[in-house]
Protein backbone atom coordinates (compact mmCIF):
# COMPACT_ATOMS: atom_id res chain seq x y z
CA UNK A 1 0.00 0.00 0.00
CA UNK A 2 1.25 3.48 -0.87
CA UNK A 3 1.11 6.09 1.92
CA UNK A 4 1.50 9.78 1.12
CA UNK A 5 2.18 12.64 3.56
CA UNK A 6 1.31 16.19 2.45
CA UNK A 7 1.66 18.75 5.25
CA UNK A 8 0.49 21.64 3.06
CA UNK A 9 -2.57 20.48 1.13
CA UNK A 10 -4.22 22.73 -1.42
CA UNK A 11 -5.76 23.35 -4.81
CA UNK A 12 -4.18 24.86 -7.92
CA UNK A 13 -6.21 27.53 -9.71
CA UNK A 14 -4.71 27.92 -13.18
CA UNK A 15 -5.33 30.99 -15.35
CA UNK A 16 -4.47 30.93 -19.04
CA UNK A 17 -3.89 34.43 -20.40
CA UNK A 18 -3.04 35.71 -23.88
CA UNK A 19 -0.15 37.82 -22.58
CA UNK A 20 1.00 39.30 -19.27
CA UNK A 21 0.65 43.08 -19.05
CA UNK A 22 1.66 44.88 -15.87
CA UNK A 23 -0.80 47.37 -14.33
CA UNK A 24 -3.59 46.12 -16.58
CA UNK A 25 -6.79 44.17 -15.99
CA UNK A 26 -6.14 40.85 -17.73
CA UNK A 27 -9.00 38.63 -18.89
CA UNK A 28 -8.24 34.92 -18.66
CA UNK A 29 -8.91 32.87 -21.78
CA UNK A 30 -9.50 29.79 -19.61
CA UNK A 31 -9.34 28.71 -15.95
CA UNK A 32 -9.25 25.35 -14.22
CA UNK A 33 -9.10 24.07 -10.63
CA UNK A 34 -7.04 20.97 -9.92
CA UNK A 35 -5.07 19.09 -7.27
CA UNK A 36 -2.01 20.61 -5.59
CA UNK A 37 0.69 19.31 -3.26
CA UNK A 38 3.40 16.96 -4.47
CA UNK A 39 2.41 13.75 -2.62
CA UNK A 40 -1.33 14.29 -3.10
CA UNK A 41 -0.67 14.93 -6.79
CA UNK A 42 1.11 11.57 -7.01
CA UNK A 43 -1.75 9.79 -5.21
CA UNK A 44 -4.25 11.51 -7.51
CA UNK A 45 -2.31 10.37 -10.59
CA UNK A 46 -1.94 6.79 -9.39
CA UNK A 47 -5.60 6.59 -8.44
CA UNK A 48 -6.46 7.03 -12.10
CA UNK A 49 -4.24 4.02 -12.86
CA UNK A 50 -6.11 1.97 -10.27
CA UNK A 51 -3.43 2.02 -7.55
CA UNK A 52 -5.01 2.68 -4.12
CA UNK A 53 -3.27 4.70 -1.43
CA UNK A 54 -3.70 6.36 1.95
CA UNK A 55 -3.27 10.15 2.07
CA UNK A 56 -2.09 11.76 5.31
CA UNK A 57 -1.26 15.35 6.16
CA UNK A 58 -2.94 18.53 7.35
CA UNK A 59 -6.12 20.02 5.87
CA UNK A 60 -8.66 22.67 6.81
CA UNK A 61 -11.81 24.40 5.70
CA UNK A 62 -13.71 24.29 2.43
CA UNK A 63 -10.59 23.84 0.33
CA UNK A 64 -9.46 20.97 2.54
CA UNK A 65 -12.80 19.23 2.00
CA UNK A 66 -12.43 19.78 -1.75
CA UNK A 67 -8.99 18.14 -1.67
CA UNK A 68 -10.40 15.15 0.20
CA UNK A 69 -13.33 14.82 -2.20
CA UNK A 70 -11.06 14.89 -5.27
CA UNK A 71 -8.76 12.25 -3.82
CA UNK A 72 -11.61 10.02 -2.69
CA UNK A 73 -13.01 10.25 -6.22
CA UNK A 74 -9.81 8.53 -7.39
CA UNK A 75 -10.03 5.77 -4.77
CA UNK A 76 -7.62 7.37 -2.28
CA UNK A 77 -8.35 6.89 1.43
CA UNK A 78 -7.93 10.25 3.19
CA UNK A 79 -6.85 10.47 6.82
CA UNK A 80 -5.97 14.16 7.10
CA UNK A 81 -5.56 15.85 10.47
CA UNK A 82 -7.99 18.78 10.54
CA UNK A 83 -6.21 21.99 11.60
CA UNK A 84 -7.01 25.70 11.80
CA UNK A 85 -7.03 28.17 8.93
CA UNK A 86 -7.77 27.00 5.40
CA UNK A 87 -6.03 24.71 2.93
CA UNK A 88 -4.31 26.95 0.39
CA UNK A 89 -5.15 27.98 -3.15
CA UNK A 90 -2.11 28.30 -5.41
CA UNK A 91 -2.41 30.56 -8.45
CA UNK A 92 -0.79 29.32 -11.65
CA UNK A 93 -0.55 31.87 -14.49
CA UNK A 94 0.25 30.58 -17.97
CA UNK A 95 1.12 33.21 -20.57
CA UNK A 96 0.37 31.45 -23.84
CA UNK A 97 2.03 34.11 -26.00
CA UNK A 98 5.40 34.14 -24.22
CA UNK A 99 5.11 30.49 -23.15
CA UNK A 100 5.85 31.26 -19.51
CA UNK A 101 4.40 29.75 -16.35
CA UNK A 102 4.33 31.45 -12.95
CA UNK A 103 3.04 29.95 -9.70
CA UNK A 104 2.06 32.06 -6.69
CA UNK A 105 1.79 30.05 -3.49
CA UNK A 106 0.43 30.91 -0.08
CA UNK A 107 0.49 29.41 3.39
CA UNK A 108 -2.91 29.50 5.07
CA UNK A 109 -2.95 26.43 7.32
CA UNK A 110 -2.35 27.06 11.04
CA UNK A 111 -0.81 24.06 12.80
CA UNK A 112 -0.02 23.59 16.49
CA UNK A 113 1.86 20.88 18.40
CA UNK A 114 -1.30 18.90 19.09
CA UNK A 115 -1.92 18.68 15.34
CA UNK A 116 1.66 17.54 14.74
CA UNK A 117 1.28 14.86 17.43
CA UNK A 118 -1.94 13.69 15.77
CA UNK A 119 -0.18 13.37 12.40
CA UNK A 120 2.59 11.32 13.99
CA UNK A 121 -0.08 9.02 15.45
CA UNK A 122 -1.89 8.62 12.13
CA UNK A 123 1.42 7.96 10.38
CA UNK A 124 2.47 5.27 12.86
CA UNK A 125 -0.90 3.55 12.39
CA UNK A 126 -0.55 3.60 8.59
CA UNK A 127 3.03 2.35 8.33
CA UNK A 128 2.37 -1.34 9.09
CA UNK A 129 0.44 -1.59 5.80
CA UNK A 130 2.84 0.63 3.81
CA UNK A 131 5.10 -0.71 1.07
CA UNK A 132 6.18 2.80 -0.02
CA UNK A 133 5.89 6.35 1.35
CA UNK A 134 5.88 9.59 -0.63
CA UNK A 135 6.24 12.79 1.36
CA UNK A 136 7.27 16.34 0.71
CA UNK A 137 6.29 19.81 -0.34
CA UNK A 138 6.29 23.01 1.66
CA UNK A 139 5.38 23.21 5.34
CA UNK A 140 2.59 25.32 6.83
CA UNK A 141 3.04 27.77 9.68
CA UNK A 142 3.88 26.12 12.96
CA UNK A 143 5.55 23.05 11.45
CA UNK A 144 9.34 22.72 11.82
CA UNK A 145 11.43 21.12 9.02
CA UNK A 146 12.43 18.39 11.49
CA UNK A 147 8.97 16.88 10.92
CA UNK A 148 10.38 15.39 7.74
CA UNK A 149 13.48 14.11 9.53
CA UNK A 150 11.31 12.29 12.06
CA UNK A 151 8.80 10.84 9.61
CA UNK A 152 11.43 9.60 7.17
CA UNK A 153 13.48 8.08 10.01
CA UNK A 154 10.44 6.18 11.29
CA UNK A 155 9.70 4.67 7.89
CA UNK A 156 13.33 3.80 7.23
CA UNK A 157 13.60 2.11 10.65
CA UNK A 158 10.88 -0.23 9.39
CA UNK A 159 12.71 -0.72 6.07
CA UNK A 160 9.95 1.03 4.11
CA UNK A 161 11.19 2.88 0.98
CA UNK A 162 10.64 6.65 1.12
CA UNK A 163 10.46 8.99 -1.88
CA UNK A 164 11.03 12.57 -0.75
CA UNK A 165 10.52 15.82 -2.69
CA UNK A 166 11.14 19.19 -1.06
CA UNK A 167 13.40 22.23 -1.34
CA UNK A 168 15.76 24.42 0.64
CA UNK A 169 15.75 23.81 4.42
CA UNK A 170 12.99 21.21 4.22
CA UNK A 171 15.01 19.16 1.72
CA UNK A 172 18.06 19.42 3.95
CA UNK A 173 16.06 18.33 7.01
CA UNK A 174 14.68 15.28 5.25
CA UNK A 175 18.10 14.28 3.95
CA UNK A 176 19.34 13.87 7.53
CA UNK A 177 17.25 10.66 7.71
CA UNK A 178 18.51 9.23 4.38
CA UNK A 179 15.33 8.85 2.30
CA UNK A 180 15.54 6.09 -0.29
CA UNK A 181 15.00 8.47 -3.22
CA UNK A 182 14.83 12.23 -3.57
CA UNK A 183 13.42 14.03 -6.59
CA UNK A 184 14.81 17.55 -6.71
CA UNK A 185 14.96 19.65 -9.86
CA UNK A 186 18.17 21.21 -11.12
CA UNK A 187 17.52 24.48 -9.26
CA UNK A 188 16.89 22.70 -5.96
CA UNK A 189 20.12 20.68 -6.13
CA UNK A 190 21.98 23.88 -6.95
CA UNK A 191 20.46 25.56 -3.86
CA UNK A 192 21.33 22.56 -1.71
CA UNK A 193 24.96 22.27 -2.77
CA UNK A 194 25.87 25.75 -3.96
CA UNK A 195 26.99 24.24 -7.28
CA UNK A 196 25.99 25.61 -10.66
CA UNK A 197 23.96 23.05 -12.60
CA UNK A 198 23.90 23.93 -16.28
CA UNK A 199 24.70 20.63 -17.97
CA UNK A 200 24.19 16.90 -17.56
CA UNK A 201 27.74 16.60 -16.29
CA UNK A 202 27.05 19.29 -13.68
CA UNK A 203 23.92 17.44 -12.56
CA UNK A 204 25.79 14.13 -12.45
CA UNK A 205 28.67 15.44 -10.33
CA UNK A 206 26.29 17.26 -7.99
CA UNK A 207 24.09 14.18 -7.70
CA UNK A 208 27.14 12.05 -6.86
CA UNK A 209 28.09 14.47 -4.07
CA UNK A 210 24.55 14.34 -2.61
CA UNK A 211 24.49 10.55 -2.90
CA UNK A 212 27.78 10.15 -1.07
CA UNK A 213 26.97 12.63 1.69
CA UNK A 214 23.36 11.67 2.45
CA UNK A 215 23.14 8.01 1.38
CA UNK A 216 20.17 8.64 -0.90
CA UNK A 217 19.45 8.12 -4.61
CA UNK A 218 18.82 11.44 -6.40
CA UNK A 219 16.42 11.54 -9.34
CA UNK A 220 17.15 15.01 -10.73
CA UNK A 221 14.52 16.44 -13.06
CA UNK A 222 15.88 18.79 -15.70
CA UNK A 223 12.79 20.39 -17.22
CA UNK A 224 12.77 20.17 -21.01
CA UNK A 225 15.96 18.09 -20.94
CA UNK A 226 14.39 15.17 -19.07
CA UNK A 227 15.85 13.59 -15.93
CA UNK A 228 19.05 12.09 -14.55
CA UNK A 229 18.80 9.19 -12.09
CA UNK A 230 21.68 8.16 -9.84
CA UNK A 231 21.18 4.71 -8.35
CA UNK A 232 23.49 2.59 -6.18
CA UNK A 233 25.88 1.37 -8.87
CA UNK A 234 24.60 2.98 -12.07
CA UNK A 235 23.10 6.13 -13.50
CA UNK A 236 20.58 6.78 -16.27
CA UNK A 237 19.65 9.72 -18.43
CA UNK A 238 16.03 9.91 -19.57
CA UNK A 239 15.51 12.46 -22.37
CA UNK A 240 12.24 14.37 -22.34
CA UNK A 241 9.57 13.36 -24.84
CA UNK A 242 8.57 15.70 -27.68
CA UNK A 243 5.13 16.82 -26.50
CA UNK A 244 3.34 20.15 -26.90
CA UNK A 245 3.28 21.40 -23.31
CA UNK A 246 -0.03 22.93 -22.21
CA UNK A 247 0.94 23.17 -18.51
CA UNK A 248 3.95 21.73 -16.72
CA UNK A 249 2.27 21.97 -13.30
CA UNK A 250 2.43 18.57 -11.63
CA UNK A 251 4.77 17.04 -14.21
CA UNK A 252 7.45 16.34 -11.61
CA UNK A 253 4.82 14.63 -9.50
CA UNK A 254 4.33 12.22 -12.38
CA UNK A 255 7.87 11.04 -11.70
CA UNK A 256 7.04 10.55 -8.01
CA UNK A 257 4.04 8.49 -9.07
CA UNK A 258 6.07 6.36 -11.47
CA UNK A 259 8.73 5.56 -8.88
CA UNK A 260 6.14 4.69 -6.23
CA UNK A 261 4.17 2.50 -8.62
CA UNK A 262 7.23 0.40 -9.43
CA UNK A 263 7.95 -0.13 -5.72
CA UNK A 264 4.37 -1.03 -4.78
CA UNK A 265 4.03 -3.41 -7.75
CA UNK A 266 7.51 -4.89 -7.09
CA UNK A 267 8.82 -3.82 -10.47
CA UNK A 268 12.35 -2.63 -11.20
CA UNK A 269 13.22 0.98 -10.47
CA UNK A 270 14.13 1.28 -14.16
CA UNK A 271 10.48 0.55 -14.93
CA UNK A 272 9.48 3.23 -12.44
CA UNK A 273 11.75 5.79 -14.08
CA UNK A 274 10.26 5.09 -17.51
CA UNK A 275 6.74 5.22 -16.11
CA UNK A 276 7.59 8.52 -14.40
CA UNK A 277 8.75 10.17 -17.62
CA UNK A 278 5.68 8.94 -19.50
CA UNK A 279 3.33 10.17 -16.75
CA UNK A 280 5.12 13.54 -16.53
CA UNK A 281 4.79 13.97 -20.28
CA UNK A 282 1.10 12.98 -20.23
CA UNK A 283 0.46 15.52 -17.44
CA UNK A 284 2.05 18.26 -19.58
CA UNK A 285 -0.64 17.72 -22.22
CA UNK A 286 -3.45 18.77 -19.85
CA UNK A 287 -4.50 22.14 -18.47
CA UNK A 288 -4.93 20.94 -14.90
CA UNK A 289 -2.19 20.09 -12.42
CA UNK A 290 -1.62 16.31 -12.16
CA UNK A 291 -4.33 15.61 -14.73
CA UNK A 292 -3.64 13.19 -17.59
CA UNK A 293 -5.30 10.81 -19.99
CA UNK A 294 -4.49 7.12 -19.64
CA UNK A 295 -4.44 6.79 -23.44
CA UNK A 296 -1.72 9.48 -23.66
CA UNK A 297 0.33 7.70 -21.00
CA UNK A 298 0.05 4.37 -22.79
CA UNK A 299 1.01 5.95 -26.12
CA UNK A 300 4.02 7.74 -24.63
CA UNK A 301 5.37 4.83 -22.58
CA UNK A 302 7.06 2.98 -25.50
CA UNK A 303 8.80 6.22 -26.54
CA UNK A 304 10.74 6.62 -23.26
CA UNK A 305 14.49 6.08 -23.50
CA UNK A 306 16.57 4.89 -20.56
CA UNK A 307 20.19 5.62 -21.40
CA UNK A 308 23.17 4.61 -19.23
CA UNK A 309 25.13 7.64 -18.05
CA UNK A 310 27.84 8.75 -18.43
């Protein structure tokens, strides 16, 4: 069973505009509401492929109920700790003329120590049935980065694989507990290490340094260039697929979903990497975050290349 932990649940509200113009009233050509939050995105994606999961984390208010309803509609069991405030709405602005995408995030959940204790309790109850854990994303007010250190350490003490995706101090906190896999993008690994990442070689050397220091396996996503995966004794480059990107929101969460699916179904991690690229590419074809068509995924899957690197 897959277990996901999303401390900062929310919804993405995506606006498509013809062109950004400062100090002007801009009329959207289209809008869509969709899932948000890295682990919940992955659970949402996998639910469409028929893989059940348990979603943990913090939620509140009307938006929190909407998140739960959307996940339950995909067969996900939700066990969120109800907190104060309101689950967030992220604003995604896609400028179709300039082909740019901007995301504005907010933190509107209010979490206290009693809520954190309740999440720990729910997590401990879920772990005996877990074969894989995905956790990550930003943290709401009142939640220290060490939450990730503690949760990852508990799963790893039970020999449960953990896929972790976060940035800055939250990524560093989680790395202290040696998650099985991390899925940073090129900018996040650059922030973590202070190294410039402009090429595949840069990403490879930086990934090797992270692997050696933190005893984890980095899967570094590189935007339009694809992804670079560093495993125990090998590395792979996965070129991106030639798709017409409508929205890249949630594409990286397709990789989380692919990795988790391979672990839960006891497939090779190579299969998970290929599935992740195909899911990420299928997500890019849709307007909504973490949305995709199964037919697109199935069509794209045979096109994925898994190339030994270097």
